Amino acid sequence: MAIQGIQSVLQQMQTTALQAAGTKADENAAASSDFSGQLKLALDKISDIQNTAKTQSQDFEMGKPGVALNDVMVNMQKSSIAMQMGIQVRNKMVSAYSDIMNMQV
């Protein structure tokens, strides 16, 4: 049963991540008061950082003027760190959920 619970949490996180790709500013302001809203905002920010880094990297590869290599490298590192942070938060959430599910009543 614990494995199903973990899978449920992971599925909810994946659903939240997919929904985060299509959110609007008004929805963000309304949802920011609860935990799921804060998680959604964090996932949106991670996604934005990754998209910016990817776009800037592609612009540099295409030789677009005004895109410096050092800026590309810094943004790629920011993207990597943001993703690692998101993974660590997910791991902590799964661990906490597992601990709660293993508590005896």
C-alpha atoms as a PDB file:
ATOM      1  CA  MET A   1       0.000   0.000   0.000  1.00  0.00           C
ATOM      2  CA  ALA A   2       2.901   2.364   0.655  1.00  0.00           C
ATOM      3  CA  ILE A   3       4.159   1.921  -2.913  1.00  0.00           C
ATOM      4  CA  GLN A   4       0.739   2.856  -4.260  1.00  0.00           C
ATOM      5  CA  GLY A   5       0.766   5.935  -2.043  1.00  0.00           C
ATOM      6  CA  ILE A   6       4.165   6.992  -3.343  1.00  0.00           C
ATOM      7  CA  GLN A   7       3.028   6.426  -6.901  1.00  0.00           C
ATOM      8  CA  SER A   8      -0.042   8.528  -6.172  1.00  0.00           C
ATOM      9  CA  VAL A   9       2.113  11.392  -4.888  1.00  0.00           C
ATOM     10  CA  LEU A  10       4.407  11.155  -7.906  1.00  0.00           C
ATOM     11  CA  GLN A  11       1.416  11.133 -10.233  1.00  0.00           C
ATOM     12  CA  GLN A  12       0.012  14.216  -8.507  1.00  0.00           C
ATOM     13  CA  MET A  13       3.376  15.961  -8.862  1.00  0.00           C
ATOM     14  CA  GLN A  14       3.518  15.097 -12.551  1.00  0.00           C
ATOM     15  CA  THR A  15      -0.032  16.373 -13.022  1.00  0.00           C
ATOM     16  CA  THR A  16       0.885  19.565 -11.203  1.00  0.00           C
ATOM     17  CA  ALA A  17       3.951  19.988 -13.397  1.00  0.00           C
ATOM     18  CA  LEU A  18       1.858  19.567 -16.547  1.00  0.00           C
ATOM     19  CA  GLN A  19      -0.729  22.016 -15.279  1.00  0.00           C
ATOM     20  CA  ALA A  20       2.027  24.449 -14.334  1.00  0.00           C
ATOM     21  CA  ALA A  21       2.968  24.781 -17.975  1.00  0.00           C
ATOM     22  CA  GLY A  22      -0.412  26.346 -18.758  1.00  0.00           C
ATOM     23  CA  THR A  23      -1.091  28.548 -15.714  1.00  0.00           C
ATOM     24  CA  LYS A  24      -1.957  32.241 -15.793  1.00  0.00           C
ATOM     25  CA  ALA A  25      -0.883  35.044 -13.458  1.00  0.00           C
ATOM     26  CA  ASP A  26      -4.360  35.293 -11.900  1.00  0.00           C
ATOM     27  CA  GLU A  27      -4.362  31.605 -11.053  1.00  0.00           C
ATOM     28  CA  ASN A  28      -0.904  31.924  -9.498  1.00  0.00           C
ATOM     29  CA  ALA A  29      -2.042  34.723  -7.177  1.00  0.00           C
ATOM     30  CA  ALA A  30      -5.109  32.777  -6.063  1.00  0.00           C
ATOM     31  CA  ALA A  31      -3.275  29.492  -5.567  1.00  0.00           C
ATOM     32  CA  SER A  32      -0.290  30.895  -3.710  1.00  0.00           C
ATOM     33  CA  SER A  33      -1.947  30.646  -0.298  1.00  0.00           C
ATOM     34  CA  ASP A  34      -1.747  26.855   0.072  1.00  0.00           C
ATOM     35  CA  PHE A  35       1.055  24.303  -0.137  1.00  0.00           C
ATOM     36  CA  SER A  36       0.047  22.952  -3.522  1.00  0.00           C
ATOM     37  CA  GLY A  37      -0.055  26.497  -4.871  1.00  0.00           C
ATOM     38  CA  GLN A  38       3.431  27.206  -3.580  1.00  0.00           C
ATOM     39  CA  LEU A  39       4.675  23.933  -5.064  1.00  0.00           C
ATOM     40  CA  LYS A  40       3.094  24.826  -8.376  1.00  0.00           C
ATOM     41  CA  LEU A  41       4.765  28.246  -8.357  1.00  0.00           C
ATOM     42  CA  ALA A  42       8.126  26.626  -7.605  1.00  0.00           C
ATOM     43  CA  LEU A  43       7.702  24.179 -10.475  1.00  0.00           C
ATOM     44  CA  ASP A  44       6.754  27.063 -12.764  1.00  0.00           C
ATOM     45  CA  LYS A  45       9.896  28.929 -11.786  1.00  0.00           C
ATOM     46  CA  ILE A  46      12.082  25.870 -12.408  1.00  0.00           C
ATOM     47  CA  SER A  47      10.440  25.423 -15.798  1.00  0.00           C
ATOM     48  CA  ASP A  48      10.958  29.085 -16.682  1.00  0.00           C
ATOM     49  CA  ILE A  49      14.637  28.924 -15.708  1.00  0.00           C
ATOM     50  CA  GLN A  50      15.138  25.820 -17.849  1.00  0.00           C
ATOM     51  CA  ASN A  51      13.315  27.321 -20.826  1.00  0.00           C
ATOM     52  CA  THR A  52      15.338  30.535 -20.603  1.00  0.00           C
ATOM     53  CA  ALA A  53      18.612  28.611 -20.446  1.00  0.00           C
ATOM     54  CA  LYS A  54      17.600  26.415 -23.378  1.00  0.00           C
ATOM     55  CA  THR A  55      16.548  29.389 -25.487  1.00  0.00           C
ATOM     56  CA  GLN A  56      19.723  31.312 -24.700  1.00  0.00           C
ATOM     57  CA  SER A  57      21.830  28.241 -25.487  1.00  0.00           C
ATOM     58  CA  GLN A  58      20.107  27.822 -28.846  1.00  0.00           C
ATOM     59  CA  ASP A  59      20.564  31.515 -29.608  1.00  0.00           C
ATOM     60  CA  PHE A  60      24.293  31.217 -28.878  1.00  0.00           C
ATOM     61  CA  GLU A  61      24.602  28.119 -31.068  1.00  0.00           C
ATOM     62  CA  MET A  62      22.893  29.938 -33.930  1.00  0.00           C
ATOM     63  CA  GLY A  63      25.340  32.835 -33.595  1.00  0.00           C
ATOM     64  CA  LYS A  64      22.796  35.425 -32.564  1.00  0.00           C
ATOM     65  CA  PRO A  65      24.553  38.688 -31.675  1.00  0.00           C
ATOM     66  CA  GLY A  66      24.524  39.850 -28.057  1.00  0.00           C
ATOM     67  CA  VAL A  67      24.575  36.351 -26.517  1.00  0.00           C
ATOM     68  CA  ALA A  68      27.786  35.760 -24.582  1.00  0.00           C
ATOM     69  CA  LEU A  69      29.141  32.337 -23.719  1.00  0.00           C
ATOM     70  CA  ASN A  70      29.587  33.214 -20.041  1.00  0.00           C
ATOM     71  CA  ASP A  71      25.900  34.198 -19.759  1.00  0.00           C
ATOM     72  CA  VAL A  72      24.878  30.935 -21.401  1.00  0.00           C
ATOM     73  CA  MET A  73      27.048  28.895 -19.034  1.00  0.00           C
ATOM     74  CA  VAL A  74      25.765  30.722 -15.943  1.00  0.00           C
ATOM     75  CA  ASN A  75      22.143  30.200 -16.986  1.00  0.00           C
ATOM     76  CA  MET A  76      22.768  26.534 -17.715  1.00  0.00           C
ATOM     77  CA  GLN A  77      24.228  26.103 -14.220  1.00  0.00           C
ATOM     78  CA  LYS A  78      21.258  27.940 -12.688  1.00  0.00           C
ATOM     79  CA  SER A  79      18.981  25.574 -14.576  1.00  0.00           C
ATOM     80  CA  SER A  80      20.878  22.538 -13.326  1.00  0.00           C
ATOM     81  CA  ILE A  81      20.856  23.715  -9.718  1.00  0.00           C
ATOM     82  CA  ALA A  82      17.135  24.538  -9.877  1.00  0.00           C
ATOM     83  CA  MET A  83      16.392  21.055 -11.198  1.00  0.00           C
ATOM     84  CA  GLN A  84      18.524  19.413  -8.504  1.00  0.00           C
ATOM     85  CA  MET A  85      16.700  21.445  -5.861  1.00  0.00           C
ATOM     86  CA  GLY A  86      13.344  20.343  -7.250  1.00  0.00           C
ATOM     87  CA  ILE A  87      14.431  16.716  -7.183  1.00  0.00           C
ATOM     88  CA  GLN A  88      15.614  17.037  -3.578  1.00  0.00           C
ATOM     89  CA  VAL A  89      12.293  18.591  -2.549  1.00  0.00           C
ATOM     90  CA  ARG A  90      10.459  15.744  -4.251  1.00  0.00           C
ATOM     91  CA  ASN A  91      12.655  13.190  -2.477  1.00  0.00           C
ATOM     92  CA  LYS A  92      11.979  14.825   0.897  1.00  0.00           C
ATOM     93  CA  MET A  93       8.246  14.864   0.213  1.00  0.00           C
ATOM     94  CA  VAL A  94       8.218  11.193  -0.735  1.00  0.00           C
ATOM     95  CA  SER A  95      10.283  10.362   2.345  1.00  0.00           C
ATOM     96  CA  ALA A  96       7.924  12.325   4.603  1.00  0.00           C
ATOM     97  CA  TYR A  97       4.900  10.675   2.997  1.00  0.00           C
ATOM     98  CA  SER A  98       6.480   7.262   3.479  1.00  0.00           C
ATOM     99  CA  ASP A  99       7.224   8.041   7.134  1.00  0.00           C
ATOM    100  CA  ILE A 100       3.643   9.147   7.720  1.00  0.00           C
ATOM    101  CA  MET A 101       2.247   6.048   6.024  1.00  0.00           C
ATOM    102  CA  ASN A 102       4.459   3.814   8.195  1.00  0.00           C
ATOM    103  CA  MET A 103       3.262   5.373  11.461  1.00  0.00           C
ATOM    104  CA  GLN A 104       1.258   3.049  13.645  1.00  0.00           C
ATOM    105  CA  VAL A 105      -2.047   4.269  14.938  1.00  0.00           C
END
